[in-house]
Amino acid sequence: MKIQEMFNLKGKVAIVTGGGRGIGKFIATGLAEAGANLVIASRKMEKLDTTAAEISKLGVKCIPVKCDMGNKDDIMNLVQTTMNEFGTIDILVNNAGVTWGAPTLDFPLEQWDKIFAVNVRGVWILTQQVAKIMKEKGGGKVINLSSVMGFRGSIEEMHPAVPYNSSKAAINLLTMNLAIKLARYKINVNAIAPGFFKTDMMGYLEKPEAKPFRDAFVMSIPLPKMGEEDDIKGLAVFLASRASDYITGAIIPVDGGMLAK
């Protein structure tokens, strides 16, 4: 097989949760550029509609679906809508996630539960449903979005969100466990662990008063820059394509070298 064929996603169908903005939008765009049709999902429809319109200009079909990953009914509707529209699912990107900051000793239990409901429970529910479809069609690709924070603790002043790290560590092990359990069905399960990327969620770092912290933080990254769209979408296309058929259970950092320190 020639390399162009190995990375070609023409005719494939992908679901990308949290696909309306940030890293989810970057990945959805990359998959579309490789030829995949898409269903992008998010709680907020405004940005989702805008992104779907932008991606559709690439010559593929892109359907926006409102979905709260903490709500099982929404997740089931996402799967059913995709099947009604395309009749199959080849690629699942579990990107949607939430975080919430509060001092560790005062962190409210309801927020801990909400983070795990979206970041772990929702990922499991959606993956289980999609894996059933992939099993019947003879295989598929699942890509989970972890984080460098799933491998380490973090300073309170920098990242006062104690359950977030734990939820991403859970995704790391879920990725490895499902890779083993679903291999018999030719379903590859891998994860991408981003470092810090330029997204609207990180917009607070662009404020003038944050410049000293931003500069010091960026210089602490071995490749001293924050990630951008082109730094992640290529890896996502690789993991979604036939080029990665012999890779499963991998958790690949895209972090400028942070985890190497």
C-alpha atoms as a PDB file:
ATOM      1  CA  MET A   1       0.000   0.000   0.000  1.00  0.00           C
ATOM      2  CA  LYS A   2       1.361   3.434  -0.912  1.00  0.00           C
ATOM      3  CA  ILE A   3       1.674   6.053   1.792  1.00  0.00           C
ATOM      4  CA  GLN A   4      -1.067   8.232   0.252  1.00  0.00           C
ATOM      5  CA  GLU A   5      -3.504   5.315   0.575  1.00  0.00           C
ATOM      6  CA  MET A   6      -2.484   4.583   4.159  1.00  0.00           C
ATOM      7  CA  PHE A   7      -3.469   8.067   5.345  1.00  0.00           C
ATOM      8  CA  ASN A   8      -6.543   8.450   3.134  1.00  0.00           C
ATOM      9  CA  LEU A   9      -9.807   8.696   5.108  1.00  0.00           C
ATOM     10  CA  LYS A  10     -12.098   9.314   2.147  1.00  0.00           C
ATOM     11  CA  GLY A  11     -15.529   7.792   2.784  1.00  0.00           C
ATOM     12  CA  LYS A  12     -14.853   7.143   6.477  1.00  0.00           C
ATOM     13  CA  VAL A  13     -17.252   8.418   9.138  1.00  0.00           C
ATOM     14  CA  ALA A  14     -15.934   9.978  12.337  1.00  0.00           C
ATOM     15  CA  ILE A  15     -17.526  11.253  15.535  1.00  0.00           C
ATOM     16  CA  VAL A  16     -15.586  13.992  17.333  1.00  0.00           C
ATOM     17  CA  THR A  17     -16.943  15.066  20.701  1.00  0.00           C
ATOM     18  CA  GLY A  18     -16.140  18.591  21.784  1.00  0.00           C
ATOM     19  CA  GLY A  19     -15.623  19.255  18.092  1.00  0.00           C
ATOM     20  CA  GLY A  20     -16.844  22.833  18.003  1.00  0.00           C
ATOM     21  CA  ARG A  21     -13.709  24.515  19.280  1.00  0.00           C
ATOM     22  CA  GLY A  22     -10.153  24.085  20.487  1.00  0.00           C
ATOM     23  CA  ILE A  23      -8.365  20.773  20.101  1.00  0.00           C
ATOM     24  CA  GLY A  24     -11.585  19.031  19.027  1.00  0.00           C
ATOM     25  CA  LYS A  25     -11.966  21.480  16.155  1.00  0.00           C
ATOM     26  CA  PHE A  26      -8.311  21.019  15.180  1.00  0.00           C
ATOM     27  CA  ILE A  27      -8.753  17.245  15.028  1.00  0.00           C
ATOM     28  CA  ALA A  28     -12.086  17.402  13.207  1.00  0.00           C
ATOM     29  CA  THR A  29     -10.516  19.684  10.597  1.00  0.00           C
ATOM     30  CA  GLY A  30      -7.604  17.297  10.102  1.00  0.00           C
ATOM     31  CA  LEU A  31      -9.895  14.301   9.643  1.00  0.00           C
ATOM     32  CA  ALA A  32     -11.974  16.259   7.129  1.00  0.00           C
ATOM     33  CA  GLU A  33      -8.867  17.325   5.213  1.00  0.00           C
ATOM     34  CA  ALA A  34      -8.008  13.601   4.953  1.00  0.00           C
ATOM     35  CA  GLY A  35     -11.473  12.950   3.488  1.00  0.00           C
ATOM     36  CA  ALA A  36     -13.615  11.801   6.426  1.00  0.00           C
ATOM     37  CA  ASN A  37     -17.255  12.764   6.901  1.00  0.00           C
ATOM     38  CA  LEU A  38     -17.963  13.998  10.401  1.00  0.00           C
ATOM     39  CA  VAL A  39     -20.423  14.280  13.220  1.00  0.00           C
ATOM     40  CA  ILE A  40     -19.207  16.870  15.709  1.00  0.00           C
ATOM     41  CA  ALA A  41     -20.840  17.127  19.112  1.00  0.00           C
ATOM     42  CA  SER A  42     -20.901  19.649  21.943  1.00  0.00           C
ATOM     43  CA  ARG A  43     -23.183  21.089  24.603  1.00  0.00           C
ATOM     44  CA  LYS A  44     -23.221  24.512  22.910  1.00  0.00           C
ATOM     45  CA  MET A  45     -24.636  24.690  19.400  1.00  0.00           C
ATOM     46  CA  GLU A  46     -23.482  28.179  18.385  1.00  0.00           C
ATOM     47  CA  LYS A  47     -19.800  27.352  17.854  1.00  0.00           C
ATOM     48  CA  LEU A  48     -20.707  23.845  16.726  1.00  0.00           C
ATOM     49  CA  ASP A  49     -22.830  25.186  13.859  1.00  0.00           C
ATOM     50  CA  THR A  50     -20.077  27.597  12.819  1.00  0.00           C
ATOM     51  CA  THR A  51     -17.420  24.877  12.836  1.00  0.00           C
ATOM     52  CA  ALA A  52     -19.649  22.450  10.912  1.00  0.00           C
ATOM     53  CA  ALA A  53     -20.166  25.087   8.214  1.00  0.00           C
ATOM     54  CA  GLU A  54     -16.412  25.722   7.987  1.00  0.00           C
ATOM     55  CA  ILE A  55     -15.567  22.013   7.744  1.00  0.00           C
ATOM     56  CA  SER A  56     -18.256  21.395   5.119  1.00  0.00           C
ATOM     57  CA  LYS A  57     -16.402  23.807   2.826  1.00  0.00           C
ATOM     58  CA  LEU A  58     -13.614  21.186   2.665  1.00  0.00           C
ATOM     59  CA  GLY A  59     -15.894  19.013   0.528  1.00  0.00           C
ATOM     60  CA  VAL A  60     -17.073  16.572   3.188  1.00  0.00           C
ATOM     61  CA  LYS A  61     -20.326  16.249   5.108  1.00  0.00           C
ATOM     62  CA  CYS A  62     -20.242  17.576   8.675  1.00  0.00           C
ATOM     63  CA  ILE A  63     -23.253  17.261  10.980  1.00  0.00           C
ATOM     64  CA  PRO A  64     -23.461  19.158  14.305  1.00  0.00           C
ATOM     65  CA  VAL A  65     -25.238  17.371  17.168  1.00  0.00           C
ATOM     66  CA  LYS A  66     -25.989  18.835  20.582  1.00  0.00           C
ATOM     67  CA  CYS A  67     -24.666  16.441  23.229  1.00  0.00           C
ATOM     68  CA  ASP A  68     -23.852  16.715  26.918  1.00  0.00           C
ATOM     69  CA  MET A  69     -21.386  13.901  27.612  1.00  0.00           C
ATOM     70  CA  GLY A  70     -22.638  13.763  31.175  1.00  0.00           C
ATOM     71  CA  ASN A  71     -26.079  12.740  29.919  1.00  0.00           C
ATOM     72  CA  LYS A  72     -26.570   9.145  28.748  1.00  0.00           C
ATOM     73  CA  ASP A  73     -29.657   9.979  26.671  1.00  0.00           C
ATOM     74  CA  ASP A  74     -27.684  12.630  24.773  1.00  0.00           C
ATOM     75  CA  ILE A  75     -24.908  10.123  24.115  1.00  0.00           C
ATOM     76  CA  MET A  76     -27.329   7.521  22.796  1.00  0.00           C
ATOM     77  CA  ASN A  77     -28.934  10.155  20.563  1.00  0.00           C
ATOM     78  CA  LEU A  78     -25.482  11.079  19.190  1.00  0.00           C
ATOM     79  CA  VAL A  79     -24.834   7.483  18.165  1.00  0.00           C
ATOM     80  CA  GLN A  80     -28.302   7.037  16.680  1.00  0.00           C
ATOM     81  CA  THR A  81     -28.121  10.321  14.755  1.00  0.00           C
ATOM     82  CA  THR A  82     -24.779   9.286  13.257  1.00  0.00           C
ATOM     83  CA  MET A  83     -26.158   5.897  12.227  1.00  0.00           C
ATOM     84  CA  ASN A  84     -29.295   7.473  10.752  1.00  0.00           C
ATOM     85  CA  GLU A  85     -27.189   9.905   8.734  1.00  0.00           C
ATOM     86  CA  PHE A  86     -24.311   7.678   7.607  1.00  0.00           C
ATOM     87  CA  GLY A  87     -25.167   4.078   8.497  1.00  0.00           C
ATOM     88  CA  THR A  88     -21.768   3.365  10.057  1.00  0.00           C
ATOM     89  CA  ILE A  89     -19.031   4.689  12.376  1.00  0.00           C
ATOM     90  CA  ASP A  90     -15.371   4.136  11.521  1.00  0.00           C
ATOM     91  CA  ILE A  91     -13.619   6.567  13.869  1.00  0.00           C
ATOM     92  CA  LEU A  92     -14.459   7.833  17.355  1.00  0.00           C
ATOM     93  CA  VAL A  93     -12.563  10.737  18.910  1.00  0.00           C
ATOM     94  CA  ASN A  94     -13.406  11.149  22.604  1.00  0.00           C
ATOM     95  CA  ASN A  95     -12.273  14.735  23.003  1.00  0.00           C
ATOM     96  CA  ALA A  96     -14.982  16.439  25.084  1.00  0.00           C
ATOM     97  CA  GLY A  97     -13.956  17.151  28.648  1.00  0.00           C
ATOM     98  CA  VAL A  98     -14.558  19.570  31.503  1.00  0.00           C
ATOM     99  CA  THR A  99     -12.593  20.985  34.385  1.00  0.00           C
ATOM    100  CA  TRP A 100     -13.406  23.237  37.317  1.00  0.00           C
ATOM    101  CA  GLY A 101     -11.094  25.031  39.702  1.00  0.00           C
ATOM    102  CA  ALA A 102     -11.288  25.330  43.496  1.00  0.00           C
ATOM    103  CA  PRO A 103      -8.833  24.968  46.400  1.00  0.00           C
ATOM    104  CA  THR A 104      -8.105  21.287  46.992  1.00  0.00           C
ATOM    105  CA  LEU A 105      -9.222  21.233  50.615  1.00  0.00           C
ATOM    106  CA  ASP A 106     -12.498  22.943  49.702  1.00  0.00           C
ATOM    107  CA  PHE A 107     -13.173  21.168  46.403  1.00  0.00           C
ATOM    108  CA  PRO A 108     -16.936  20.417  46.203  1.00  0.00           C
ATOM    109  CA  LEU A 109     -17.979  16.813  45.704  1.00  0.00           C
ATOM    110  CA  GLU A 110     -20.630  17.726  43.133  1.00  0.00           C
ATOM    111  CA  GLN A 111     -17.945  19.223  40.874  1.00  0.00           C
ATOM    112  CA  TRP A 112     -15.707  16.166  41.343  1.00  0.00           C
ATOM    113  CA  ASP A 113     -18.648  13.992  40.264  1.00  0.00           C
ATOM    114  CA  LYS A 114     -19.407  16.224  37.262  1.00  0.00           C
ATOM    115  CA  ILE A 115     -15.814  16.049  35.990  1.00  0.00           C
ATOM    116  CA  PHE A 116     -15.751  12.254  36.260  1.00  0.00           C
ATOM    117  CA  ALA A 117     -19.227  11.976  34.715  1.00  0.00           C
ATOM    118  CA  VAL A 118     -18.079  13.751  31.552  1.00  0.00           C
ATOM    119  CA  ASN A 119     -14.375  12.897  31.368  1.00  0.00           C
ATOM    120  CA  VAL A 120     -14.629   9.198  32.241  1.00  0.00           C
ATOM    121  CA  ARG A 121     -18.188   7.864  32.481  1.00  0.00           C
ATOM    122  CA  GLY A 122     -19.339   9.593  29.285  1.00  0.00           C
ATOM    123  CA  VAL A 123     -16.292   8.369  27.390  1.00  0.00           C
ATOM    124  CA  TRP A 124     -17.017   4.811  28.506  1.00  0.00           C
ATOM    125  CA  ILE A 125     -20.714   4.949  27.563  1.00  0.00           C
ATOM    126  CA  LEU A 126     -20.027   6.349  24.091  1.00  0.00           C
ATOM    127  CA  THR A 127     -17.109   4.023  23.411  1.00  0.00           C
ATOM    128  CA  GLN A 128     -19.087   0.951  24.446  1.00  0.00           C
ATOM    129  CA  GLN A 129     -21.955   1.864  22.111  1.00  0.00           C
ATOM    130  CA  VAL A 130     -19.686   2.689  19.167  1.00  0.00           C
ATOM    131  CA  ALA A 131     -17.522  -0.401  19.734  1.00  0.00           C
ATOM    132  CA  LYS A 132     -20.607  -2.583  19.276  1.00  0.00           C
ATOM    133  CA  ILE A 133     -21.099  -1.022  15.844  1.00  0.00           C
ATOM    134  CA  MET A 134     -17.405  -1.325  14.978  1.00  0.00           C
ATOM    135  CA  LYS A 135     -17.410  -4.995  15.991  1.00  0.00           C
ATOM    136  CA  GLU A 136     -20.221  -5.771  13.554  1.00  0.00           C
ATOM    137  CA  LYS A 137     -18.497  -3.910  10.692  1.00  0.00           C
ATOM    138  CA  GLY A 138     -15.129  -5.598  11.309  1.00  0.00           C
ATOM    139  CA  GLY A 139     -13.108  -2.936  13.089  1.00  0.00           C
ATOM    140  CA  GLY A 140     -12.532   0.741  13.761  1.00  0.00           C
ATOM    141  CA  LYS A 141     -10.371   3.360  15.422  1.00  0.00           C
ATOM    142  CA  VAL A 142     -10.970   4.934  18.846  1.00  0.00           C
ATOM    143  CA  ILE A 143      -8.876   7.941  19.863  1.00  0.00           C
ATOM    144  CA  ASN A 144      -9.163   9.210  23.433  1.00  0.00           C
ATOM    145  CA  LEU A 145      -7.907  12.615  24.516  1.00  0.00           C
ATOM    146  CA  SER A 146      -5.906  12.371  27.703  1.00  0.00           C
ATOM    147  CA  SER A 147      -3.544  15.087  28.987  1.00  0.00           C
ATOM    148  CA  VAL A 148      -0.033  15.487  30.299  1.00  0.00           C
ATOM    149  CA  MET A 149      -1.825  16.080  33.595  1.00  0.00           C
ATOM    150  CA  GLY A 150      -2.873  12.416  33.549  1.00  0.00           C
ATOM    151  CA  PHE A 151       0.744  11.512  34.300  1.00  0.00           C
ATOM    152  CA  ARG A 152       1.578  13.999  37.051  1.00  0.00           C
ATOM    153  CA  GLY A 153       0.371  16.161  39.880  1.00  0.00           C
ATOM    154  CA  SER A 154       0.161  19.930  39.543  1.00  0.00           C
ATOM    155  CA  ILE A 155       0.841  22.948  41.726  1.00  0.00           C
ATOM    156  CA  GLU A 156      -2.242  24.397  43.406  1.00  0.00           C
ATOM    157  CA  GLU A 157      -1.602  27.947  42.178  1.00  0.00           C
ATOM    158  CA  MET A 158      -1.196  26.802  38.586  1.00  0.00           C
ATOM    159  CA  HIS A 159      -3.916  24.176  38.345  1.00  0.00           C
ATOM    160  CA  PRO A 160      -6.383  24.059  41.273  1.00  0.00           C
ATOM    161  CA  ALA A 161      -8.510  21.270  39.778  1.00  0.00           C
ATOM    162  CA  VAL A 162      -7.624  18.130  41.711  1.00  0.00           C
ATOM    163  CA  PRO A 163     -10.065  15.703  39.999  1.00  0.00           C
ATOM    164  CA  TYR A 164      -8.997  16.653  36.459  1.00  0.00           C
ATOM    165  CA  ASN A 165      -5.614  14.919  36.681  1.00  0.00           C
ATOM    166  CA  SER A 166      -7.241  11.828  38.158  1.00  0.00           C
ATOM    167  CA  SER A 167      -9.890  11.709  35.420  1.00  0.00           C
ATOM    168  CA  LYS A 168      -7.220  11.809  32.717  1.00  0.00           C
ATOM    169  CA  ALA A 169      -5.195   9.113  34.474  1.00  0.00           C
ATOM    170  CA  ALA A 170      -8.362   7.016  34.344  1.00  0.00           C
ATOM    171  CA  ILE A 171      -8.565   7.644  30.593  1.00  0.00           C
ATOM    172  CA  ASN A 172      -4.985   6.415  30.194  1.00  0.00           C
ATOM    173  CA  LEU A 173      -5.766   3.086  31.826  1.00  0.00           C
ATOM    174  CA  LEU A 174      -9.163   2.805  30.117  1.00  0.00           C
ATOM    175  CA  THR A 175      -7.343   3.241  26.803  1.00  0.00           C
ATOM    176  CA  MET A 176      -4.896   0.411  27.571  1.00  0.00           C
ATOM    177  CA  ASN A 177      -7.583  -1.880  28.966  1.00  0.00           C
ATOM    178  CA  LEU A 178      -9.959  -1.416  26.028  1.00  0.00           C
ATOM    179  CA  ALA A 179      -7.083  -1.833  23.575  1.00  0.00           C
ATOM    180  CA  ILE A 180      -6.567  -5.345  24.930  1.00  0.00           C
ATOM    181  CA  LYS A 181     -10.239  -6.236  25.227  1.00  0.00           C
ATOM    182  CA  LEU A 182     -11.274  -4.908  21.800  1.00  0.00           C
ATOM    183  CA  ALA A 183      -8.252  -6.112  19.814  1.00  0.00           C
ATOM    184  CA  ARG A 184     -10.077  -9.336  18.917  1.00  0.00           C
ATOM    185  CA  TYR A 185     -12.603  -7.194  17.025  1.00  0.00           C
ATOM    186  CA  LYS A 186      -9.877  -5.259  15.133  1.00  0.00           C
ATOM    187  CA  ILE A 187     -10.699  -2.101  17.058  1.00  0.00           C
ATOM    188  CA  ASN A 188      -7.626   0.006  17.794  1.00  0.00           C
ATOM    189  CA  VAL A 189      -7.794   2.148  20.935  1.00  0.00           C
ATOM    190  CA  ASN A 190      -5.142   4.814  21.456  1.00  0.00           C
ATOM    191  CA  ALA A 191      -4.859   8.138  23.247  1.00  0.00           C
ATOM    192  CA  ILE A 192      -3.312  11.522  22.606  1.00  0.00           C
ATOM    193  CA  ALA A 193      -2.012  13.392  25.664  1.00  0.00           C
ATOM    194  CA  PRO A 194      -1.744  17.089  24.774  1.00  0.00           C
ATOM    195  CA  GLY A 195       0.291  19.586  26.692  1.00  0.00           C
ATOM    196  CA  PHE A 196      -0.705  23.236  26.560  1.00  0.00           C
ATOM    197  CA  PHE A 197      -2.282  24.412  23.302  1.00  0.00           C
ATOM    198  CA  LYS A 198      -3.399  27.797  22.010  1.00  0.00           C
ATOM    199  CA  THR A 199      -7.171  27.521  22.351  1.00  0.00           C
ATOM    200  CA  ASP A 200      -9.916  29.827  23.561  1.00  0.00           C
ATOM    201  CA  MET A 201      -9.936  27.911  26.859  1.00  0.00           C
ATOM    202  CA  MET A 202      -6.342  29.052  27.383  1.00  0.00           C
ATOM    203  CA  GLY A 203      -7.187  32.620  26.429  1.00  0.00           C
ATOM    204  CA  TYR A 204      -6.493  33.919  29.926  1.00  0.00           C
ATOM    205  CA  LEU A 205      -2.776  33.464  29.207  1.00  0.00           C
ATOM    206  CA  GLU A 206      -3.021  36.089  26.454  1.00  0.00           C
ATOM    207  CA  LYS A 207      -4.026  38.856  28.869  1.00  0.00           C
ATOM    208  CA  PRO A 208      -1.315  41.500  29.423  1.00  0.00           C
ATOM    209  CA  GLU A 209      -1.197  40.835  33.161  1.00  0.00           C
ATOM    210  CA  ALA A 210      -0.461  37.164  32.488  1.00  0.00           C
ATOM    211  CA  LYS A 211       2.608  37.887  30.333  1.00  0.00           C
ATOM    212  CA  PRO A 212       5.278  37.242  33.018  1.00  0.00           C
ATOM    213  CA  PHE A 213       3.675  33.927  33.961  1.00  0.00           C
ATOM    214  CA  ARG A 214       3.114  32.992  30.293  1.00  0.00           C
ATOM    215  CA  ASP A 215       6.702  33.742  29.326  1.00  0.00           C
ATOM    216  CA  ALA A 216       8.132  31.777  32.249  1.00  0.00           C
ATOM    217  CA  PHE A 217       5.775  28.885  31.578  1.00  0.00           C
ATOM    218  CA  VAL A 218       6.536  28.691  27.863  1.00  0.00           C
ATOM    219  CA  MET A 219      10.278  28.767  28.525  1.00  0.00           C
ATOM    220  CA  SER A 220       9.858  25.764  30.829  1.00  0.00           C
ATOM    221  CA  ILE A 221       8.731  23.664  27.827  1.00  0.00           C
ATOM    222  CA  PRO A 222      11.716  22.023  26.083  1.00  0.00           C
ATOM    223  CA  LEU A 223      10.307  23.128  22.719  1.00  0.00           C
ATOM    224  CA  PRO A 224       9.433  26.616  24.016  1.00  0.00           C
ATOM    225  CA  LYS A 225       6.028  27.213  22.467  1.00  0.00           C
ATOM    226  CA  MET A 226       2.397  26.350  23.031  1.00  0.00           C
ATOM    227  CA  GLY A 227       0.833  23.808  20.690  1.00  0.00           C
ATOM    228  CA  GLU A 228      -1.171  24.867  17.652  1.00  0.00           C
ATOM    229  CA  GLU A 229      -3.538  23.191  15.175  1.00  0.00           C
ATOM    230  CA  ASP A 230      -0.865  21.682  12.943  1.00  0.00           C
ATOM    231  CA  ASP A 231       0.885  20.161  15.963  1.00  0.00           C
ATOM    232  CA  ILE A 232      -1.951  17.728  16.689  1.00  0.00           C
ATOM    233  CA  LYS A 233      -4.130  17.097  13.653  1.00  0.00           C
ATOM    234  CA  GLY A 234      -1.471  15.054  11.856  1.00  0.00           C
ATOM    235  CA  LEU A 235      -1.210  12.614  14.753  1.00  0.00           C
ATOM    236  CA  ALA A 236      -4.999  12.320  14.905  1.00  0.00           C
ATOM    237  CA  VAL A 237      -5.161  11.466  11.196  1.00  0.00           C
ATOM    238  CA  PHE A 238      -2.390   8.890  11.675  1.00  0.00           C
ATOM    239  CA  LEU A 239      -4.251   7.181  14.539  1.00  0.00           C
ATOM    240  CA  ALA A 240      -7.503   7.240  12.542  1.00  0.00           C
ATOM    241  CA  SER A 241      -5.946   5.784   9.400  1.00  0.00           C
ATOM    242  CA  ARG A 242      -4.616   2.422   8.204  1.00  0.00           C
ATOM    243  CA  ALA A 243      -1.105   3.710   8.866  1.00  0.00           C
ATOM    244  CA  SER A 244      -1.636   2.897  12.560  1.00  0.00           C
ATOM    245  CA  ASP A 245      -3.193  -0.565  12.139  1.00  0.00           C
ATOM    246  CA  TYR A 246      -0.476  -2.208  14.272  1.00  0.00           C
ATOM    247  CA  ILE A 247      -0.656   0.368  17.080  1.00  0.00           C
ATOM    248  CA  THR A 248      -3.071  -0.031  19.963  1.00  0.00           C
ATOM    249  CA  GLY A 249      -2.955   0.824  23.659  1.00  0.00           C
ATOM    250  CA  ALA A 250      -0.543   3.713  23.062  1.00  0.00           C
ATOM    251  CA  ILE A 251      -0.745   7.037  24.905  1.00  0.00           C
ATOM    252  CA  ILE A 252       1.187   9.566  22.852  1.00  0.00           C
ATOM    253  CA  PRO A 253       2.174  12.917  24.365  1.00  0.00           C
ATOM    254  CA  VAL A 254       2.029  16.030  22.202  1.00  0.00           C
ATOM    255  CA  ASP A 255       3.542  18.418  24.696  1.00  0.00           C
ATOM    256  CA  GLY A 256       6.746  19.980  23.406  1.00  0.00           C
ATOM    257  CA  GLY A 257       8.734  17.610  25.599  1.00  0.00           C
ATOM    258  CA  MET A 258       7.100  18.368  28.975  1.00  0.00           C
ATOM    259  CA  LEU A 259       6.816  14.729  30.023  1.00  0.00           C
ATOM    260  CA  ALA A 260      10.441  14.095  29.109  1.00  0.00           C
ATOM    261  CA  LYS A 261      11.626  16.411  31.892  1.00  0.00           C
END
